[in-house]
Amino acid sequence: MIAPPIQFDRTTGVLEDANVWERLAALALSSGSKVAASFSHRCFCANLLRKTLPQRDIAMRLNPDTTFDFPYGDGYWSKLLNRQRVLAKPDQRPEPKCRALHAMRD
């Protein structure tokens, strides 16, 4: 049986319905994202850490009317636990480096 999702409010940083190990893992995932931000946001340790965590989701409140659920410990989405990471708005996305991608975007 899969446990109900962990609740995380990205604005306040409050983590609810998580045990001590899951809280420690959240700290490790957030710290790993901060360290990896200087060279790349690929955190391979997140995938290793995920194997030690119970199988459950995390419901991340991005703002008062938006909640995003993803598997807890996911190597890609867990970087959102780093509250210093800025979420780009659609009009603030960087320009694609490839002309073909730029053409597809327009």
PDB file of N, CA and C in Angstrom:
ATOM      1  N   MET A   1       0.835  -1.180   0.000  1.00  0.00           N
ATOM      2  CA  MET A   1       0.000   0.000   0.000  1.00  0.00           C
ATOM      3  C   MET A   1       0.883   1.248   0.000  1.00  0.00           C
ATOM      4  N   ILE A   2       0.564   2.170  -0.867  1.00  0.00           N
ATOM      5  CA  ILE A   2       1.330   3.405  -0.975  1.00  0.00           C
ATOM      6  C   ILE A   2       0.757   4.436  -0.006  1.00  0.00           C
ATOM      7  N   ALA A   3       1.653   5.069   0.738  1.00  0.00           N
ATOM      8  CA  ALA A   3       1.248   6.078   1.720  1.00  0.00           C
ATOM      9  C   ALA A   3       0.759   7.338   1.001  1.00  0.00           C
ATOM     10  N   PRO A   4      -0.044   8.156   1.683  1.00  0.00           N
ATOM     11  CA  PRO A   4      -0.477   9.422   1.076  1.00  0.00           C
ATOM     12  C   PRO A   4       0.726  10.316   0.812  1.00  0.00           C
ATOM     13  N   PRO A   5       0.593  11.264  -0.116  1.00  0.00           N
ATOM     14  CA  PRO A   5       1.752  12.080  -0.480  1.00  0.00           C
ATOM     15  C   PRO A   5       2.241  12.986   0.649  1.00  0.00           C
ATOM     16  N   ILE A   6       3.528  13.244   0.614  1.00  0.00           N
ATOM     17  CA  ILE A   6       4.142  14.234   1.492  1.00  0.00           C
ATOM     18  C   ILE A   6       3.684  15.602   0.985  1.00  0.00           C
ATOM     19  N   GLN A   7       3.434  16.524   1.876  1.00  0.00           N
ATOM     20  CA  GLN A   7       3.009  17.871   1.498  1.00  0.00           C
ATOM     21  C   GLN A   7       4.193  18.827   1.662  1.00  0.00           C
ATOM     22  N   PHE A   8       4.474  19.596   0.615  1.00  0.00           N
ATOM     23  CA  PHE A   8       5.559  20.576   0.674  1.00  0.00           C
ATOM     24  C   PHE A   8       5.070  21.893   0.107  1.00  0.00           C
ATOM     25  N   ASP A   9       5.183  22.944   0.885  1.00  0.00           N
ATOM     26  CA  ASP A   9       4.821  24.288   0.436  1.00  0.00           C
ATOM     27  C   ASP A   9       6.099  24.986   0.006  1.00  0.00           C
ATOM     28  N   ARG A  10       6.249  25.214  -1.271  1.00  0.00           N
ATOM     29  CA  ARG A  10       7.493  25.788  -1.801  1.00  0.00           C
ATOM     30  C   ARG A  10       7.690  27.231  -1.342  1.00  0.00           C
ATOM     31  N   THR A  11       6.608  27.941  -1.076  1.00  0.00           N
ATOM     32  CA  THR A  11       6.714  29.331  -0.646  1.00  0.00           C
ATOM     33  C   THR A  11       7.278  29.445   0.763  1.00  0.00           C
ATOM     34  N   THR A  12       6.773  28.613   1.672  1.00  0.00           N
ATOM     35  CA  THR A  12       7.197  28.694   3.077  1.00  0.00           C
ATOM     36  C   THR A  12       8.296  27.702   3.430  1.00  0.00           C
ATOM     37  N   GLY A  13       8.431  26.635   2.649  1.00  0.00           N
ATOM     38  CA  GLY A  13       9.407  25.595   2.946  1.00  0.00           C
ATOM     39  C   GLY A  13       8.920  24.559   3.945  1.00  0.00           C
ATOM     40  N   VAL A  14       7.630  24.599   4.285  1.00  0.00           N
ATOM     41  CA  VAL A  14       7.072  23.659   5.265  1.00  0.00           C
ATOM     42  C   VAL A  14       6.881  22.294   4.612  1.00  0.00           C
ATOM     43  N   LEU A  15       7.390  21.265   5.278  1.00  0.00           N
ATOM     44  CA  LEU A  15       7.274  19.879   4.830  1.00  0.00           C
ATOM     45  C   LEU A  15       6.402  19.143   5.847  1.00  0.00           C
ATOM     46  N   GLU A  16       5.284  18.582   5.385  1.00  0.00           N
ATOM     47  CA  GLU A  16       4.348  17.905   6.291  1.00  0.00           C
ATOM     48  C   GLU A  16       4.176  16.444   5.895  1.00  0.00           C
ATOM     49  N   ASP A  17       3.739  15.646   6.863  1.00  0.00           N
ATOM     50  CA  ASP A  17       3.458  14.223   6.664  1.00  0.00           C
ATOM     51  C   ASP A  17       4.689  13.443   6.217  1.00  0.00           C
ATOM     52  N   ALA A  18       5.857  13.843   6.702  1.00  0.00           N
ATOM     53  CA  ALA A  18       7.109  13.158   6.373  1.00  0.00           C
ATOM     54  C   ALA A  18       7.782  12.708   7.664  1.00  0.00           C
ATOM     55  N   ASN A  19       8.351  11.501   7.630  1.00  0.00           N
ATOM     56  CA  ASN A  19       9.071  11.031   8.810  1.00  0.00           C
ATOM     57  C   ASN A  19      10.487  11.616   8.813  1.00  0.00           C
ATOM     58  N   VAL A  20      11.258  11.271   9.803  1.00  0.00           N
ATOM     59  CA  VAL A  20      12.608  11.838   9.960  1.00  0.00           C
ATOM     60  C   VAL A  20      13.489  11.517   8.757  1.00  0.00           C
ATOM     61  N   TRP A  21      13.455  10.273   8.281  1.00  0.00           N
ATOM     62  CA  TRP A  21      14.276   9.878   7.140  1.00  0.00           C
ATOM     63  C   TRP A  21      13.879  10.659   5.888  1.00  0.00           C
ATOM     64  N   GLU A  22      12.573  10.853   5.663  1.00  0.00           N
ATOM     65  CA  GLU A  22      12.104  11.588   4.493  1.00  0.00           C
ATOM     66  C   GLU A  22      12.468  13.071   4.584  1.00  0.00           C
ATOM     67  N   ARG A  23      12.467  13.617   5.786  1.00  0.00           N
ATOM     68  CA  ARG A  23      12.892  15.015   5.975  1.00  0.00           C
ATOM     69  C   ARG A  23      14.388  15.168   5.689  1.00  0.00           C
ATOM     70  N   LEU A  24      15.172  14.219   6.170  1.00  0.00           N
ATOM     71  CA  LEU A  24      16.607  14.241   5.916  1.00  0.00           C
ATOM     72  C   LEU A  24      16.890  14.090   4.422  1.00  0.00           C
ATOM     73  N   ALA A  25      16.136  13.233   3.753  1.00  0.00           N
ATOM     74  CA  ALA A  25      16.295  13.052   2.303  1.00  0.00           C
ATOM     75  C   ALA A  25      15.938  14.341   1.564  1.00  0.00           C
ATOM     76  N   ALA A  26      14.900  15.054   2.010  1.00  0.00           N
ATOM     77  CA  ALA A  26      14.518  16.324   1.380  1.00  0.00           C
ATOM     78  C   ALA A  26      15.649  17.336   1.509  1.00  0.00           C
ATOM     79  N   LEU A  27      16.280  17.369   2.658  1.00  0.00           N
ATOM     80  CA  LEU A  27      17.417  18.261   2.864  1.00  0.00           C
ATOM     81  C   LEU A  27      18.574  17.882   1.939  1.00  0.00           C
ATOM     82  N   ALA A  28      18.830  16.585   1.804  1.00  0.00           N
ATOM     83  CA  ALA A  28      19.905  16.114   0.919  1.00  0.00           C
ATOM     84  C   ALA A  28      19.597  16.443  -0.541  1.00  0.00           C
ATOM     85  N   LEU A  29      18.345  16.264  -0.968  1.00  0.00           N
ATOM     86  CA  LEU A  29      17.964  16.562  -2.347  1.00  0.00           C
ATOM     87  C   LEU A  29      18.080  18.057  -2.638  1.00  0.00           C
ATOM     88  N   SER A  30      17.636  18.879  -1.706  1.00  0.00           N
ATOM     89  CA  SER A  30      17.719  20.326  -1.874  1.00  0.00           C
ATOM     90  C   SER A  30      19.180  20.781  -1.914  1.00  0.00           C
ATOM     91  N   SER A  31      19.978  20.265  -1.002  1.00  0.00           N
ATOM     92  CA  SER A  31      21.407  20.620  -0.958  1.00  0.00           C
ATOM     93  C   SER A  31      22.123  20.155  -2.218  1.00  0.00           C
ATOM     94  N   GLY A  32      21.793  18.957  -2.679  1.00  0.00           N
ATOM     95  CA  GLY A  32      22.401  18.431  -3.900  1.00  0.00           C
ATOM     96  C   GLY A  32      22.084  19.306  -5.107  1.00  0.00           C
ATOM     97  N   SER A  33      20.860  19.824  -5.151  1.00  0.00           N
ATOM     98  CA  SER A  33      20.474  20.705  -6.244  1.00  0.00           C
ATOM     99  C   SER A  33      21.271  22.009  -6.197  1.00  0.00           C
ATOM    100  N   LYS A  34      21.508  22.524  -4.995  1.00  0.00           N
ATOM    101  CA  LYS A  34      22.279  23.763  -4.855  1.00  0.00           C
ATOM    102  C   LYS A  34      23.725  23.564  -5.302  1.00  0.00           C
ATOM    103  N   VAL A  35      24.311  22.447  -4.924  1.00  0.00           N
ATOM    104  CA  VAL A  35      25.696  22.156  -5.307  1.00  0.00           C
ATOM    105  C   VAL A  35      25.789  21.924  -6.814  1.00  0.00           C
ATOM    106  N   ALA A  36      24.855  21.160  -7.361  1.00  0.00           N
ATOM    107  CA  ALA A  36      24.892  20.820  -8.782  1.00  0.00           C
ATOM    108  C   ALA A  36      24.533  21.996  -9.679  1.00  0.00           C
ATOM    109  N   ALA A  37      23.904  23.034  -9.136  1.00  0.00           N
ATOM    110  CA  ALA A  37      23.495  24.184  -9.947  1.00  0.00           C
ATOM    111  C   ALA A  37      24.687  24.902 -10.569  1.00  0.00           C
ATOM    112  N   SER A  38      25.842  24.820  -9.933  1.00  0.00           N
ATOM    113  CA  SER A  38      27.008  25.527 -10.457  1.00  0.00           C
ATOM    114  C   SER A  38      27.563  24.884 -11.728  1.00  0.00           C
ATOM    115  N   PHE A  39      27.318  23.607 -11.950  1.00  0.00           N
ATOM    116  CA  PHE A  39      27.844  22.963 -13.152  1.00  0.00           C
ATOM    117  C   PHE A  39      26.778  22.282 -13.985  1.00  0.00           C
ATOM    118  N   SER A  40      25.703  21.860 -13.368  1.00  0.00           N
ATOM    119  CA  SER A  40      24.622  21.187 -14.079  1.00  0.00           C
ATOM    120  C   SER A  40      23.587  20.807 -13.043  1.00  0.00           C
ATOM    121  N   HIS A  41      22.350  20.692 -13.467  1.00  0.00           N
ATOM    122  CA  HIS A  41      21.320  20.293 -12.511  1.00  0.00           C
ATOM    123  C   HIS A  41      21.062  18.790 -12.564  1.00  0.00           C
ATOM    124  N   ARG A  42      22.031  18.033 -12.995  1.00  0.00           N
ATOM    125  CA  ARG A  42      21.879  16.585 -12.997  1.00  0.00           C
ATOM    126  C   ARG A  42      22.371  16.054 -11.662  1.00  0.00           C
ATOM    127  N   CYS A  43      21.455  15.578 -10.873  1.00  0.00           N
ATOM    128  CA  CYS A  43      21.827  15.056  -9.558  1.00  0.00           C
ATOM    129  C   CYS A  43      21.645  13.546  -9.571  1.00  0.00           C
ATOM    130  N   PHE A  44      22.697  12.838  -9.930  1.00  0.00           N
ATOM    131  CA  PHE A  44      22.619  11.391 -10.027  1.00  0.00           C
ATOM    132  C   PHE A  44      22.408  10.751  -8.660  1.00  0.00           C
ATOM    133  N   CYS A  45      22.835  11.454  -7.601  1.00  0.00           N
ATOM    134  CA  CYS A  45      22.657  10.896  -6.268  1.00  0.00           C
ATOM    135  C   CYS A  45      21.170  10.804  -5.913  1.00  0.00           C
ATOM    136  N   ALA A  46      20.326  11.628  -6.529  1.00  0.00           N
ATOM    137  CA  ALA A  46      18.890  11.577  -6.249  1.00  0.00           C
ATOM    138  C   ALA A  46      18.319  10.219  -6.621  1.00  0.00           C
ATOM    139  N   ASN A  47      18.763   9.655  -7.731  1.00  0.00           N
ATOM    140  CA  ASN A  47      18.258   8.350  -8.136  1.00  0.00           C
ATOM    141  C   ASN A  47      18.713   7.254  -7.184  1.00  0.00           C
ATOM    142  N   LEU A  48      19.904   7.385  -6.628  1.00  0.00           N
ATOM    143  CA  LEU A  48      20.370   6.416  -5.630  1.00  0.00           C
ATOM    144  C   LEU A  48      19.600   6.585  -4.326  1.00  0.00           C
ATOM    145  N   LEU A  49      19.394   7.806  -3.930  1.00  0.00           N
ATOM    146  CA  LEU A  49      18.660   8.096  -2.703  1.00  0.00           C
ATOM    147  C   LEU A  49      17.225   7.597  -2.796  1.00  0.00           C
ATOM    148  N   ARG A  50      16.633   7.714  -3.974  1.00  0.00           N
ATOM    149  CA  ARG A  50      15.242   7.287  -4.172  1.00  0.00           C
ATOM    150  C   ARG A  50      15.056   5.807  -3.845  1.00  0.00           C
ATOM    151  N   LYS A  51      16.071   5.007  -4.106  1.00  0.00           N
ATOM    152  CA  LYS A  51      15.970   3.565  -3.839  1.00  0.00           C
ATOM    153  C   LYS A  51      15.847   3.264  -2.347  1.00  0.00           C
ATOM    154  N   THR A  52      16.268   4.195  -1.510  1.00  0.00           N
ATOM    155  CA  THR A  52      16.194   3.980  -0.063  1.00  0.00           C
ATOM    156  C   THR A  52      14.924   4.556   0.556  1.00  0.00           C
ATOM    157  N   LEU A  53      14.149   5.299  -0.234  1.00  0.00           N
ATOM    158  CA  LEU A  53      12.943   5.944   0.277  1.00  0.00           C
ATOM    159  C   LEU A  53      11.714   5.073   0.043  1.00  0.00           C
ATOM    160  N   PRO A  54      10.709   5.209   0.912  1.00  0.00           N
ATOM    161  CA  PRO A  54       9.467   4.485   0.656  1.00  0.00           C
ATOM    162  C   PRO A  54       8.815   5.012  -0.620  1.00  0.00           C
ATOM    163  N   GLN A  55       8.063   4.153  -1.291  1.00  0.00           N
ATOM    164  CA  GLN A  55       7.411   4.554  -2.537  1.00  0.00           C
ATOM    165  C   GLN A  55       6.189   5.410  -2.220  1.00  0.00           C
ATOM    166  N   ARG A  56       6.318   6.699  -2.469  1.00  0.00           N
ATOM    167  CA  ARG A  56       5.197   7.618  -2.290  1.00  0.00           C
ATOM    168  C   ARG A  56       5.443   8.888  -3.085  1.00  0.00           C
ATOM    169  N   ASP A  57       4.432   9.682  -3.203  1.00  0.00           N
ATOM    170  CA  ASP A  57       4.527  10.928  -3.955  1.00  0.00           C
ATOM    171  C   ASP A  57       4.731  12.094  -3.007  1.00  0.00           C
ATOM    172  N   ILE A  58       5.080  13.217  -3.604  1.00  0.00           N
ATOM    173  CA  ILE A  58       5.141  14.475  -2.871  1.00  0.00           C
ATOM    174  C   ILE A  58       4.236  15.454  -3.610  1.00  0.00           C
ATOM    175  N   ALA A  59       3.381  16.131  -2.866  1.00  0.00           N
ATOM    176  CA  ALA A  59       2.494  17.142  -3.437  1.00  0.00           C
ATOM    177  C   ALA A  59       3.097  18.495  -3.102  1.00  0.00           C
ATOM    178  N   MET A  60       3.622  19.160  -4.108  1.00  0.00           N
ATOM    179  CA  MET A  60       4.305  20.426  -3.892  1.00  0.00           C
ATOM    180  C   MET A  60       3.369  21.581  -4.246  1.00  0.00           C
ATOM    181  N   ARG A  61       3.121  22.424  -3.266  1.00  0.00           N
ATOM    182  CA  ARG A  61       2.306  23.616  -3.515  1.00  0.00           C
ATOM    183  C   ARG A  61       3.221  24.689  -4.084  1.00  0.00           C
ATOM    184  N   LEU A  62       2.989  25.038  -5.342  1.00  0.00           N
ATOM    185  CA  LEU A  62       3.810  26.041  -6.010  1.00  0.00           C
ATOM    186  C   LEU A  62       3.304  27.454  -5.730  1.00  0.00           C
ATOM    187  N   ASN A  63       2.012  27.596  -5.620  1.00  0.00           N
ATOM    188  CA  ASN A  63       1.368  28.851  -5.243  1.00  0.00           C
ATOM    189  C   ASN A  63      -0.008  28.484  -4.691  1.00  0.00           C
ATOM    190  N   PRO A  64      -0.797  29.438  -4.212  1.00  0.00           N
ATOM    191  CA  PRO A  64      -2.062  29.089  -3.546  1.00  0.00           C
ATOM    192  C   PRO A  64      -3.023  28.231  -4.366  1.00  0.00           C
ATOM    193  N   ASP A  65      -2.977  28.316  -5.688  1.00  0.00           N
ATOM    194  CA  ASP A  65      -3.927  27.539  -6.477  1.00  0.00           C
ATOM    195  C   ASP A  65      -3.291  26.467  -7.360  1.00  0.00           C
ATOM    196  N   THR A  66      -2.003  26.171  -7.150  1.00  0.00           N
ATOM    197  CA  THR A  66      -1.324  25.172  -7.970  1.00  0.00           C
ATOM    198  C   THR A  66      -0.543  24.189  -7.105  1.00  0.00           C
ATOM    199  N   THR A  67      -0.878  22.906  -7.249  1.00  0.00           N
ATOM    200  CA  THR A  67      -0.149  21.836  -6.572  1.00  0.00           C
ATOM    201  C   THR A  67       0.354  20.869  -7.631  1.00  0.00           C
ATOM    202  N   PHE A  68       1.602  20.461  -7.502  1.00  0.00           N
ATOM    203  CA  PHE A  68       2.237  19.569  -8.463  1.00  0.00           C
ATOM    204  C   PHE A  68       2.672  18.302  -7.734  1.00  0.00           C
ATOM    205  N   ASP A  69       2.179  17.152  -8.166  1.00  0.00           N
ATOM    206  CA  ASP A  69       2.537  15.865  -7.563  1.00  0.00           C
ATOM    207  C   ASP A  69       3.569  15.151  -8.435  1.00  0.00           C
ATOM    208  N   PHE A  70       4.571  14.559  -7.787  1.00  0.00           N
ATOM    209  CA  PHE A  70       5.564  13.751  -8.494  1.00  0.00           C
ATOM    210  C   PHE A  70       6.129  12.724  -7.529  1.00  0.00           C
ATOM    211  N   PRO A  71       6.771  11.671  -8.029  1.00  0.00           N
ATOM    212  CA  PRO A  71       7.344  10.651  -7.144  1.00  0.00           C
ATOM    213  C   PRO A  71       8.441  11.256  -6.261  1.00  0.00           C
ATOM    214  N   TYR A  72       8.346  11.012  -4.968  1.00  0.00           N
ATOM    215  CA  TYR A  72       9.327  11.550  -4.033  1.00  0.00           C
ATOM    216  C   TYR A  72      10.694  10.950  -4.320  1.00  0.00           C
ATOM    217  N   GLY A  73      11.696  11.802  -4.443  1.00  0.00           N
ATOM    218  CA  GLY A  73      13.057  11.359  -4.737  1.00  0.00           C
ATOM    219  C   GLY A  73      13.364  11.322  -6.219  1.00  0.00           C
ATOM    220  N   ASP A  74      12.435  11.747  -7.066  1.00  0.00           N
ATOM    221  CA  ASP A  74      12.663  11.758  -8.510  1.00  0.00           C
ATOM    222  C   ASP A  74      13.858  12.651  -8.836  1.00  0.00           C
ATOM    223  N   GLY A  75      14.779  12.145  -9.645  1.00  0.00           N
ATOM    224  CA  GLY A  75      16.012  12.860  -9.950  1.00  0.00           C
ATOM    225  C   GLY A  75      15.816  14.160 -10.707  1.00  0.00           C
ATOM    226  N   TYR A  76      14.728  14.273 -11.448  1.00  0.00           N
ATOM    227  CA  TYR A  76      14.492  15.501 -12.220  1.00  0.00           C
ATOM    228  C   TYR A  76      13.669  16.510 -11.418  1.00  0.00           C
ATOM    229  N   TRP A  77      12.525  16.098 -10.912  1.00  0.00           N
ATOM    230  CA  TRP A  77      11.607  17.024 -10.250  1.00  0.00           C
ATOM    231  C   TRP A  77      12.037  17.403  -8.838  1.00  0.00           C
ATOM    232  N   SER A  78      12.860  16.611  -8.207  1.00  0.00           N
ATOM    233  CA  SER A  78      13.259  16.909  -6.822  1.00  0.00           C
ATOM    234  C   SER A  78      14.061  18.189  -6.689  1.00  0.00           C
ATOM    235  N   LYS A  79      14.619  18.683  -7.794  1.00  0.00           N
ATOM    236  CA  LYS A  79      15.348  19.951  -7.689  1.00  0.00           C
ATOM    237  C   LYS A  79      14.409  21.105  -7.345  1.00  0.00           C
ATOM    238  N   LEU A  80      13.083  20.884  -7.458  1.00  0.00           N
ATOM    239  CA  LEU A  80      12.128  21.907  -7.033  1.00  0.00           C
ATOM    240  C   LEU A  80      12.097  22.067  -5.516  1.00  0.00           C
ATOM    241  N   LEU A  81      12.671  21.099  -4.775  1.00  0.00           N
ATOM    242  CA  LEU A  81      12.778  21.244  -3.326  1.00  0.00           C
ATOM    243  C   LEU A  81      13.743  22.368  -2.957  1.00  0.00           C
ATOM    244  N   ASN A  82      14.611  22.730  -3.870  1.00  0.00           N
ATOM    245  CA  ASN A  82      15.525  23.855  -3.682  1.00  0.00           C
ATOM    246  C   ASN A  82      14.711  25.125  -3.907  1.00  0.00           C
ATOM    247  N   ARG A  83      14.334  25.794  -2.846  1.00  0.00           N
ATOM    248  CA  ARG A  83      13.470  26.972  -2.946  1.00  0.00           C
ATOM    249  C   ARG A  83      14.173  28.160  -3.584  1.00  0.00           C
ATOM    250  N   GLN A  84      15.496  28.125  -3.675  1.00  0.00           N
ATOM    251  CA  GLN A  84      16.234  29.215  -4.319  1.00  0.00           C
ATOM    252  C   GLN A  84      16.199  29.103  -5.839  1.00  0.00           C
ATOM    253  N   ARG A  85      15.848  27.935  -6.328  1.00  0.00           N
ATOM    254  CA  ARG A  85      15.748  27.725  -7.776  1.00  0.00           C
ATOM    255  C   ARG A  85      14.540  28.491  -8.291  1.00  0.00           C
ATOM    256  N   VAL A  86      14.769  29.358  -9.263  1.00  0.00           N
ATOM    257  CA  VAL A  86      13.711  30.205  -9.800  1.00  0.00           C
ATOM    258  C   VAL A  86      12.927  29.433 -10.854  1.00  0.00           C
ATOM    259  N   LEU A  87      11.620  29.479 -10.730  1.00  0.00           N
ATOM    260  CA  LEU A  87      10.765  28.864 -11.734  1.00  0.00           C
ATOM    261  C   LEU A  87      10.488  29.912 -12.808  1.00  0.00           C
ATOM    262  N   ALA A  88      10.879  29.619 -14.038  1.00  0.00           N
ATOM    263  CA  ALA A  88      10.714  30.588 -15.126  1.00  0.00           C
ATOM    264  C   ALA A  88       9.269  30.618 -15.601  1.00  0.00           C
ATOM    265  N   LYS A  89       8.791  31.808 -15.859  1.00  0.00           N
ATOM    266  CA  LYS A  89       7.463  31.976 -16.446  1.00  0.00           C
ATOM    267  C   LYS A  89       7.599  31.778 -17.946  1.00  0.00           C
ATOM    268  N   PRO A  90       6.509  31.409 -18.645  1.00  0.00           N
ATOM    269  CA  PRO A  90       6.621  31.131 -20.089  1.00  0.00           C
ATOM    270  C   PRO A  90       7.280  32.246 -20.888  1.00  0.00           C
ATOM    271  N   ASP A  91       7.050  33.509 -20.540  1.00  0.00           N
ATOM    272  CA  ASP A  91       7.660  34.602 -21.298  1.00  0.00           C
ATOM    273  C   ASP A  91       9.106  34.862 -20.885  1.00  0.00           C
ATOM    274  N   GLN A  92       9.612  34.136 -19.880  1.00  0.00           N
ATOM    275  CA  GLN A  92      10.983  34.313 -19.418  1.00  0.00           C
ATOM    276  C   GLN A  92      11.883  33.141 -19.777  1.00  0.00           C
ATOM    277  N   ARG A  93      11.368  32.216 -20.589  1.00  0.00           N
ATOM    278  CA  ARG A  93      12.182  31.058 -20.970  1.00  0.00           C
ATOM    279  C   ARG A  93      13.366  31.492 -21.817  1.00  0.00           C
ATOM    280  N   PRO A  94      14.512  30.852 -21.624  1.00  0.00           N
ATOM    281  CA  PRO A  94      15.664  31.205 -22.457  1.00  0.00           C
ATOM    282  C   PRO A  94      15.419  30.802 -23.905  1.00  0.00           C
ATOM    283  N   GLU A  95      16.041  31.512 -24.803  1.00  0.00           N
ATOM    284  CA  GLU A  95      15.910  31.197 -26.219  1.00  0.00           C
ATOM    285  C   GLU A  95      16.599  29.874 -26.527  1.00  0.00           C
ATOM    286  N   PRO A  96      15.985  29.029 -27.339  1.00  0.00           N
ATOM    287  CA  PRO A  96      16.642  27.772 -27.721  1.00  0.00           C
ATOM    288  C   PRO A  96      17.927  28.051 -28.482  1.00  0.00           C
ATOM    289  N   LYS A  97      18.945  27.222 -28.263  1.00  0.00           N
ATOM    290  CA  LYS A  97      20.229  27.406 -28.923  1.00  0.00           C
ATOM    291  C   LYS A  97      20.218  26.853 -30.344  1.00  0.00           C
ATOM    292  N   CYS A  98      19.292  25.985 -30.608  1.00  0.00           N
ATOM    293  CA  CYS A  98      19.208  25.345 -31.916  1.00  0.00           C
ATOM    294  C   CYS A  98      18.150  26.076 -32.762  1.00  0.00           C
ATOM    295  N   ARG A  99      18.469  26.399 -34.002  1.00  0.00           N
ATOM    296  CA  ARG A  99      17.511  27.118 -34.850  1.00  0.00           C
ATOM    297  C   ARG A  99      16.256  26.302 -35.102  1.00  0.00           C
ATOM    298  N   ALA A 100      16.412  24.988 -35.225  1.00  0.00           N
ATOM    299  CA  ALA A 100      15.237  24.145 -35.460  1.00  0.00           C
ATOM    300  C   ALA A 100      14.288  24.214 -34.264  1.00  0.00           C
ATOM    301  N   LEU A 101      14.835  24.212 -33.044  1.00  0.00           N
ATOM    302  CA  LEU A 101      13.978  24.330 -31.866  1.00  0.00           C
ATOM    303  C   LEU A 101      13.331  25.704 -31.814  1.00  0.00           C
ATOM    304  N   HIS A 102      14.081  26.720 -32.209  1.00  0.00           N
ATOM    305  CA  HIS A 102      13.530  28.074 -32.212  1.00  0.00           C
ATOM    306  C   HIS A 102      12.354  28.151 -33.201  1.00  0.00           C
ATOM    307  N   ALA A 103      12.489  27.522 -34.356  1.00  0.00           N
ATOM    308  CA  ALA A 103      11.416  27.529 -35.342  1.00  0.00           C
ATOM    309  C   ALA A 103      10.196  26.771 -34.830  1.00  0.00           C
ATOM    310  N   MET A 104      10.427  25.671 -34.115  1.00  0.00           N
ATOM    311  CA  MET A 104       9.314  24.890 -33.570  1.00  0.00           C
ATOM    312  C   MET A 104       8.589  25.677 -32.474  1.00  0.00           C
ATOM    313  N   ARG A 105       9.311  26.487 -31.738  1.00  0.00           N
ATOM    314  CA  ARG A 105       8.722  27.246 -30.636  1.00  0.00           C
ATOM    315  C   ARG A 105       7.789  28.323 -31.179  1.00  0.00           C
ATOM    316  N   ASP A 106       8.136  28.925 -32.309  1.00  0.00           N
ATOM    317  CA  ASP A 106       7.313  29.989 -32.869  1.00  0.00           C
ATOM    318  C   ASP A 106       6.222  29.398 -33.671  1.00  0.00           C
TER     319      ASP A 106
END
